[in-house]
Amino acid sequence: IDEALAGRPITRTDHTIHGYEGGQIAATVFAR
């Protein structure tokens, strides 16, 4: 992912969210 983002004007933020039956899953948000 670092290579994919290299040179792109994009900000990455990582989150932990609640999935099915409350289980924790990892999500990432990309924005300009």
All heavy atoms as atom14 arrays in JSON, in Angstrom:
{
  "sequence": "IDEALAGRPITRTDHTIHGYEGGQIAATVFAR",
  "atom14_mask": [
    [1, 1, 1, 1, 1, 1, 1, 1, 0, 0, 0, 0, 0, 0],
    [1, 1, 1, 1, 1, 1, 1, 1, 0, 0, 0, 0, 0, 0],
    [1, 1, 1, 1, 1, 1, 1, 1, 1, 0, 0, 0, 0, 0],
    [1, 1, 1, 1, 1, 0, 0, 0, 0, 0, 0, 0, 0, 0],
    [1, 1, 1, 1, 1, 1, 1, 1, 0, 0, 0, 0, 0, 0],
    [1, 1, 1, 1, 1, 0, 0, 0, 0, 0, 0, 0, 0, 0],
    [1, 1, 1, 1, 0, 0, 0, 0, 0, 0, 0, 0, 0, 0],
    [1, 1, 1, 1, 1, 1, 1, 1, 1, 1, 1, 0, 0, 0],
    [1, 1, 1, 1, 1, 1, 1, 0, 0, 0, 0, 0, 0, 0],
    [1, 1, 1, 1, 1, 1, 1, 1, 0, 0, 0, 0, 0, 0],
    [1, 1, 1, 1, 1, 1, 1, 0, 0, 0, 0, 0, 0, 0],
    [1, 1, 1, 1, 1, 1, 1, 1, 1, 1, 1, 0, 0, 0],
    [1, 1, 1, 1, 1, 1, 1, 0, 0, 0, 0, 0, 0, 0],
    [1, 1, 1, 1, 1, 1, 1, 1, 0, 0, 0, 0, 0, 0],
    [1, 1, 1, 1, 1, 1, 1, 1, 1, 1, 0, 0, 0, 0],
    [1, 1, 1, 1, 1, 1, 1, 0, 0, 0, 0, 0, 0, 0],
    [1, 1, 1, 1, 1, 1, 1, 1, 0, 0, 0, 0, 0, 0],
    [1, 1, 1, 1, 1, 1, 1, 1, 1, 1, 0, 0, 0, 0],
    [1, 1, 1, 1, 0, 0, 0, 0, 0, 0, 0, 0, 0, 0],
    [1, 1, 1, 1, 1, 1, 1, 1, 1, 1, 1, 1, 0, 0],
    [1, 1, 1, 1, 1, 1, 1, 1, 1, 0, 0, 0, 0, 0],
    [1, 1, 1, 1, 0, 0, 0, 0, 0, 0, 0, 0, 0, 0],
    [1, 1, 1, 1, 0, 0, 0, 0, 0, 0, 0, 0, 0, 0],
    [1, 1, 1, 1, 1, 1, 1, 1, 1, 0, 0, 0, 0, 0],
    [1, 1, 1, 1, 1, 1, 1, 1, 0, 0, 0, 0, 0, 0],
    [1, 1, 1, 1, 1, 0, 0, 0, 0, 0, 0, 0, 0, 0],
    [1, 1, 1, 1, 1, 0, 0, 0, 0, 0, 0, 0, 0, 0],
    [1, 1, 1, 1, 1, 1, 1, 0, 0, 0, 0, 0, 0, 0],
    [1, 1, 1, 1, 1, 1, 1, 0, 0, 0, 0, 0, 0, 0],
    [1, 1, 1, 1, 1, 1, 1, 1, 1, 1, 1, 0, 0, 0],
    [1, 1, 1, 1, 1, 0, 0, 0, 0, 0, 0, 0, 0, 0],
    [1, 1, 1, 1, 1, 1, 1, 1, 1, 1, 1, 0, 0, 0]
  ],
  "atom14_positions": [
    [[0.82, -1.21, 0.0], [0.0, 0.0, 0.0], [0.86, 1.26, 0.0], [0.5, 2.27, -0.63], [-1.0, 0.0, 1.18], [-1.97, 1.18, 1.06], [-0.27, 0.0, 2.51], [-2.77, 1.22, -0.23], [0.0, 0.0, 0.0], [0.0, 0.0, 0.0], [0.0, 0.0, 0.0], [0.0, 0.0, 0.0], [0.0, 0.0, 0.0], [0.0, 0.0, 0.0]],
    [[1.99, 1.23, 0.66], [2.86, 2.42, 0.65], [3.36, 2.71, -0.76], [3.44, 3.87, -1.17], [4.05, 2.23, 1.6], [3.63, 2.21, 3.06], [2.55, 2.77, 3.36], [4.36, 1.65, 3.88], [0.0, 0.0, 0.0], [0.0, 0.0, 0.0], [0.0, 0.0, 0.0], [0.0, 0.0, 0.0], [0.0, 0.0, 0.0], [0.0, 0.0, 0.0]],
    [[3.67, 1.65, -1.49], [4.1, 1.83, -2.88], [2.96, 2.34, -3.74], [3.14, 3.2, -4.61], [4.62, 0.5, -3.43], [5.19, 0.58, -4.83], [5.71, -0.76, -5.34], [5.8, -1.71, -4.52], [6.01, -0.86, -6.54], [0.0, 0.0, 0.0], [0.0, 0.0, 0.0], [0.0, 0.0, 0.0], [0.0, 0.0, 0.0], [0.0, 0.0, 0.0]],
    [[1.74, 1.83, -3.51], [0.59, 2.28, -4.29], [0.28, 3.75, -4.04], [-0.2, 4.46, -4.93], [-0.63, 1.42, -3.96], [0.0, 0.0, 0.0], [0.0, 0.0, 0.0], [0.0, 0.0, 0.0], [0.0, 0.0, 0.0], [0.0, 0.0, 0.0], [0.0, 0.0, 0.0], [0.0, 0.0, 0.0], [0.0, 0.0, 0.0], [0.0, 0.0, 0.0]],
    [[0.55, 4.22, -2.82], [0.24, 5.61, -2.46], [1.37, 6.57, -2.83], [1.15, 7.8, -2.83], [-0.03, 5.72, -0.97], [-1.35, 5.14, -0.46], [-1.39, 5.17, 1.06], [-2.53, 5.91, -1.04], [0.0, 0.0, 0.0], [0.0, 0.0, 0.0], [0.0, 0.0, 0.0], [0.0, 0.0, 0.0], [0.0, 0.0, 0.0], [0.0, 0.0, 0.0]],
    [[2.54, 6.06, -3.13], [3.71, 6.91, -3.37], [3.43, 7.93, -4.48], [3.01, 7.56, -5.59], [4.91, 6.06, -3.73], [0.0, 0.0, 0.0], [0.0, 0.0, 0.0], [0.0, 0.0, 0.0], [0.0, 0.0, 0.0], [0.0, 0.0, 0.0], [0.0, 0.0, 0.0], [0.0, 0.0, 0.0], [0.0, 0.0, 0.0], [0.0, 0.0, 0.0]],
    [[3.61, 9.21, -4.17], [3.42, 10.26, -5.16], [1.99, 10.7, -5.36], [1.73, 11.63, -6.13], [0.0, 0.0, 0.0], [0.0, 0.0, 0.0], [0.0, 0.0, 0.0], [0.0, 0.0, 0.0], [0.0, 0.0, 0.0], [0.0, 0.0, 0.0], [0.0, 0.0, 0.0], [0.0, 0.0, 0.0], [0.0, 0.0, 0.0], [0.0, 0.0, 0.0]],
    [[1.06, 10.04, -4.68], [-0.35, 10.43, -4.82], [-0.73, 11.41, -3.71], [-0.37, 11.2, -2.55], [-1.27, 9.21, -4.73], [-1.2, 8.23, -5.9], [-2.22, 7.14, -5.7], [-2.25, 6.13, -6.73], [-3.02, 6.15, -7.81], [-3.83, 7.19, -8.01], [-3.0, 5.18, -8.69], [0.0, 0.0, 0.0], [0.0, 0.0, 0.0], [0.0, 0.0, 0.0]],
    [[-1.5, 12.45, -4.01], [-1.93, 13.4, -2.98], [-3.12, 12.86, -2.19], [-4.22, 13.42, -2.19], [-2.31, 14.63, -3.8], [-2.82, 14.06, -5.1], [-1.97, 12.84, -5.37], [0.0, 0.0, 0.0], [0.0, 0.0, 0.0], [0.0, 0.0, 0.0], [0.0, 0.0, 0.0], [0.0, 0.0, 0.0], [0.0, 0.0, 0.0], [0.0, 0.0, 0.0]],
    [[-2.88, 11.74, -1.5], [-3.95, 11.03, -0.81], [-3.56, 10.79, 0.64], [-2.44, 10.37, 0.93], [-4.27, 9.69, -1.51], [-4.9, 9.95, -2.89], [-5.2, 8.83, -0.66], [-5.16, 8.69, -3.69], [0.0, 0.0, 0.0], [0.0, 0.0, 0.0], [0.0, 0.0, 0.0], [0.0, 0.0, 0.0], [0.0, 0.0, 0.0], [0.0, 0.0, 0.0]],
    [[-4.51, 11.04, 1.53], [-4.33, 10.79, 2.96], [-4.99, 9.48, 3.34], [-6.12, 9.19, 2.91], [-4.95, 11.94, 3.79], [-4.29, 13.15, 3.45], [-4.81, 11.67, 5.27], [0.0, 0.0, 0.0], [0.0, 0.0, 0.0], [0.0, 0.0, 0.0], [0.0, 0.0, 0.0], [0.0, 0.0, 0.0], [0.0, 0.0, 0.0], [0.0, 0.0, 0.0]],
    [[-4.29, 8.69, 4.15], [-4.8, 7.4, 4.61], [-5.04, 7.45, 6.11], [-4.17, 7.9, 6.86], [-3.79, 6.3, 4.29], [-4.03, 4.99, 5.03], [-2.86, 4.05, 4.84], [-2.97, 2.87, 5.69], [-2.05, 1.92, 5.77], [-0.93, 2.01, 5.07], [-2.25, 0.88, 6.58], [0.0, 0.0, 0.0], [0.0, 0.0, 0.0], [0.0, 0.0, 0.0]],
    [[-6.2, 6.98, 6.55], [-6.47, 6.83, 7.98], [-7.05, 5.44, 8.22], [-7.92, 4.98, 7.49], [-7.45, 7.89, 8.51], [-8.67, 7.84, 7.74], [-6.85, 9.29, 8.39], [0.0, 0.0, 0.0], [0.0, 0.0, 0.0], [0.0, 0.0, 0.0], [0.0, 0.0, 0.0], [0.0, 0.0, 0.0], [0.0, 0.0, 0.0], [0.0, 0.0, 0.0]],
    [[-6.54, 4.77, 9.25], [-6.98, 3.42, 9.58], [-7.97, 3.45, 10.74], [-7.84, 4.26, 11.67], [-5.78, 2.55, 9.95], [-4.83, 2.34, 8.78], [-5.31, 2.27, 7.64], [-3.61, 2.25, 9.02], [0.0, 0.0, 0.0], [0.0, 0.0, 0.0], [0.0, 0.0, 0.0], [0.0, 0.0, 0.0], [0.0, 0.0, 0.0], [0.0, 0.0, 0.0]],
    [[-8.93, 2.56, 10.7], [-9.99, 2.5, 11.71], [-10.26, 1.05, 12.08], [-10.04, 0.13, 11.29], [-11.28, 3.13, 11.18], [-11.15, 4.55, 10.75], [-11.47, 5.61, 11.57], [-10.71, 5.09, 9.58], [-11.26, 6.75, 10.92], [-10.8, 6.46, 9.72], [0.0, 0.0, 0.0], [0.0, 0.0, 0.0], [0.0, 0.0, 0.0], [0.0, 0.0, 0.0]],
    [[-10.78, 0.85, 13.26], [-11.35, -0.44, 13.66], [-12.85, -0.23, 13.84], [-13.27, 0.65, 14.59], [-10.73, -0.94, 14.97], [-9.33, -1.13, 14.78], [-11.35, -2.27, 15.38], [0.0, 0.0, 0.0], [0.0, 0.0, 0.0], [0.0, 0.0, 0.0], [0.0, 0.0, 0.0], [0.0, 0.0, 0.0], [0.0, 0.0, 0.0], [0.0, 0.0, 0.0]],
    [[-13.63, -1.01, 13.11], [-15.09, -0.84, 13.17], [-15.73, -2.15, 13.58], [-15.09, -3.21, 13.59], [-15.65, -0.34, 11.83], [-15.52, -1.4, 10.73], [-14.93, 0.93, 11.39], [-16.14, -0.97, 9.4], [0.0, 0.0, 0.0], [0.0, 0.0, 0.0], [0.0, 0.0, 0.0], [0.0, 0.0, 0.0], [0.0, 0.0, 0.0], [0.0, 0.0, 0.0]],
    [[-17.0, -2.08, 13.93], [-17.74, -3.26, 14.36], [-18.42, -3.92, 13.16], [-19.21, -3.29, 12.46], [-18.77, -2.9, 15.42], [-18.17, -2.43, 16.7], [-17.39, -3.23, 17.5], [-18.22, -1.22, 17.32], [-16.98, -2.57, 18.55], [-17.46, -1.33, 18.48], [0.0, 0.0, 0.0], [0.0, 0.0, 0.0], [0.0, 0.0, 0.0], [0.0, 0.0, 0.0]],
    [[-18.1, -5.18, 12.95], [-18.72, -5.95, 11.89], [-19.88, -6.78, 12.41], [-20.53, -6.44, 13.4], [0.0, 0.0, 0.0], [0.0, 0.0, 0.0], [0.0, 0.0, 0.0], [0.0, 0.0, 0.0], [0.0, 0.0, 0.0], [0.0, 0.0, 0.0], [0.0, 0.0, 0.0], [0.0, 0.0, 0.0], [0.0, 0.0, 0.0], [0.0, 0.0, 0.0]],
    [[-20.12, -7.88, 11.74], [-21.23, -8.77, 12.08], [-21.1, -9.26, 13.52], [-20.03, -9.66, 13.98], [-21.24, -9.95, 11.11], [-22.33, -10.95, 11.33], [-23.67, -10.56, 11.33], [-22.04, -12.3, 11.51], [-24.68, -11.49, 11.52], [-23.03, -13.24, 11.67], [-24.36, -12.83, 11.69], [-25.37, -13.75, 11.86], [0.0, 0.0, 0.0], [0.0, 0.0, 0.0]],
    [[-22.2, -9.19, 14.25], [-22.28, -9.6, 15.65], [-21.24, -8.91, 16.53], [-20.79, -9.46, 17.54], [-22.16, -11.13, 15.77], [-23.34, -11.87, 15.12], [-23.34, -13.35, 15.41], [-22.24, -13.93, 15.64], [-24.43, -13.95, 15.4], [0.0, 0.0, 0.0], [0.0, 0.0, 0.0], [0.0, 0.0, 0.0], [0.0, 0.0, 0.0], [0.0, 0.0, 0.0]],
    [[-20.88, -7.69, 16.14], [-20.0, -6.89, 16.97], [-18.52, -7.16, 16.83], [-17.7, -6.54, 17.52], [0.0, 0.0, 0.0], [0.0, 0.0, 0.0], [0.0, 0.0, 0.0], [0.0, 0.0, 0.0], [0.0, 0.0, 0.0], [0.0, 0.0, 0.0], [0.0, 0.0, 0.0], [0.0, 0.0, 0.0], [0.0, 0.0, 0.0], [0.0, 0.0, 0.0]],
    [[-18.14, -8.11, 15.96], [-16.73, -8.41, 15.79], [-15.96, -7.23, 15.21], [-16.5, -6.43, 14.45], [0.0, 0.0, 0.0], [0.0, 0.0, 0.0], [0.0, 0.0, 0.0], [0.0, 0.0, 0.0], [0.0, 0.0, 0.0], [0.0, 0.0, 0.0], [0.0, 0.0, 0.0], [0.0, 0.0, 0.0], [0.0, 0.0, 0.0], [0.0, 0.0, 0.0]],
    [[-14.7, -7.11, 15.6], [-13.89, -5.99, 15.14], [-13.22, -6.32, 13.82], [-12.65, -7.4, 13.64], [-12.83, -5.64, 16.19], [-13.42, -5.07, 17.47], [-12.35, -4.53, 18.41], [-11.22, -4.99, 18.41], [-12.72, -3.52, 19.19], [0.0, 0.0, 0.0], [0.0, 0.0, 0.0], [0.0, 0.0, 0.0], [0.0, 0.0, 0.0], [0.0, 0.0, 0.0]],
    [[-13.3, -5.36, 12.89], [-12.67, -5.52, 11.58], [-11.92, -4.24, 11.24], [-12.27, -3.15, 11.7], [-13.7, -5.85, 10.47], [-14.87, -4.84, 10.48], [-14.24, -7.26, 10.64], [-15.9, -5.09, 9.38], [0.0, 0.0, 0.0], [0.0, 0.0, 0.0], [0.0, 0.0, 0.0], [0.0, 0.0, 0.0], [0.0, 0.0, 0.0], [0.0, 0.0, 0.0]],
    [[-10.87, -4.38, 10.45], [-10.03, -3.24, 10.07], [-10.56, -2.6, 8.8], [-10.9, -3.29, 7.83], [-8.59, -3.7, 9.87], [0.0, 0.0, 0.0], [0.0, 0.0, 0.0], [0.0, 0.0, 0.0], [0.0, 0.0, 0.0], [0.0, 0.0, 0.0], [0.0, 0.0, 0.0], [0.0, 0.0, 0.0], [0.0, 0.0, 0.0], [0.0, 0.0, 0.0]],
    [[-10.6, -1.28, 8.8], [-11.01, -0.52, 7.63], [-10.04, 0.64, 7.44], [-9.44, 1.14, 8.39], [-12.44, 0.01, 7.78], [0.0, 0.0, 0.0], [0.0, 0.0, 0.0], [0.0, 0.0, 0.0], [0.0, 0.0, 0.0], [0.0, 0.0, 0.0], [0.0, 0.0, 0.0], [0.0, 0.0, 0.0], [0.0, 0.0, 0.0], [0.0, 0.0, 0.0]],
    [[-9.89, 1.08, 6.21], [-9.04, 2.22, 5.89], [-9.83, 3.2, 5.04], [-10.59, 2.8, 4.15], [-7.77, 1.77, 5.15], [-6.97, 1.0, 6.04], [-6.96, 2.97, 4.67], [0.0, 0.0, 0.0], [0.0, 0.0, 0.0], [0.0, 0.0, 0.0], [0.0, 0.0, 0.0], [0.0, 0.0, 0.0], [0.0, 0.0, 0.0], [0.0, 0.0, 0.0]],
    [[-9.62, 4.47, 5.33], [-10.26, 5.55, 4.57], [-9.18, 6.28, 3.79], [-8.14, 6.67, 4.34], [-10.99, 6.54, 5.51], [-11.58, 7.7, 4.71], [-12.09, 5.81, 6.29], [0.0, 0.0, 0.0], [0.0, 0.0, 0.0], [0.0, 0.0, 0.0], [0.0, 0.0, 0.0], [0.0, 0.0, 0.0], [0.0, 0.0, 0.0], [0.0, 0.0, 0.0]],
    [[-9.44, 6.46, 2.5], [-8.55, 7.24, 1.64], [-9.31, 8.49, 1.18], [-10.46, 8.39, 0.73], [-8.12, 6.44, 0.42], [-7.28, 5.24, 0.72], [-7.81, 3.96, 0.64], [-5.94, 5.38, 1.1], [-7.04, 2.85, 0.91], [-5.17, 4.26, 1.38], [-5.71, 3.0, 1.29], [0.0, 0.0, 0.0], [0.0, 0.0, 0.0], [0.0, 0.0, 0.0]],
    [[-8.67, 9.63, 1.29], [-9.26, 10.89, 0.83], [-8.17, 11.75, 0.21], [-6.98, 11.62, 0.56], [-9.94, 11.64, 1.98], [0.0, 0.0, 0.0], [0.0, 0.0, 0.0], [0.0, 0.0, 0.0], [0.0, 0.0, 0.0], [0.0, 0.0, 0.0], [0.0, 0.0, 0.0], [0.0, 0.0, 0.0], [0.0, 0.0, 0.0], [0.0, 0.0, 0.0]],
    [[-8.56, 12.62, -0.67], [-7.6, 13.53, -1.29], [-7.04, 14.48, -0.23], [-7.77, 14.92, 0.67], [-8.28, 14.32, -2.41], [-7.36, 14.78, -3.51], [-8.12, 15.1, -4.77], [-8.97, 16.28, -4.65], [-9.76, 16.74, -5.61], [-9.82, 16.09, -6.76], [-10.5, 17.8, -5.43], [0.0, 0.0, 0.0], [0.0, 0.0, 0.0], [0.0, 0.0, 0.0]]
  ]
}
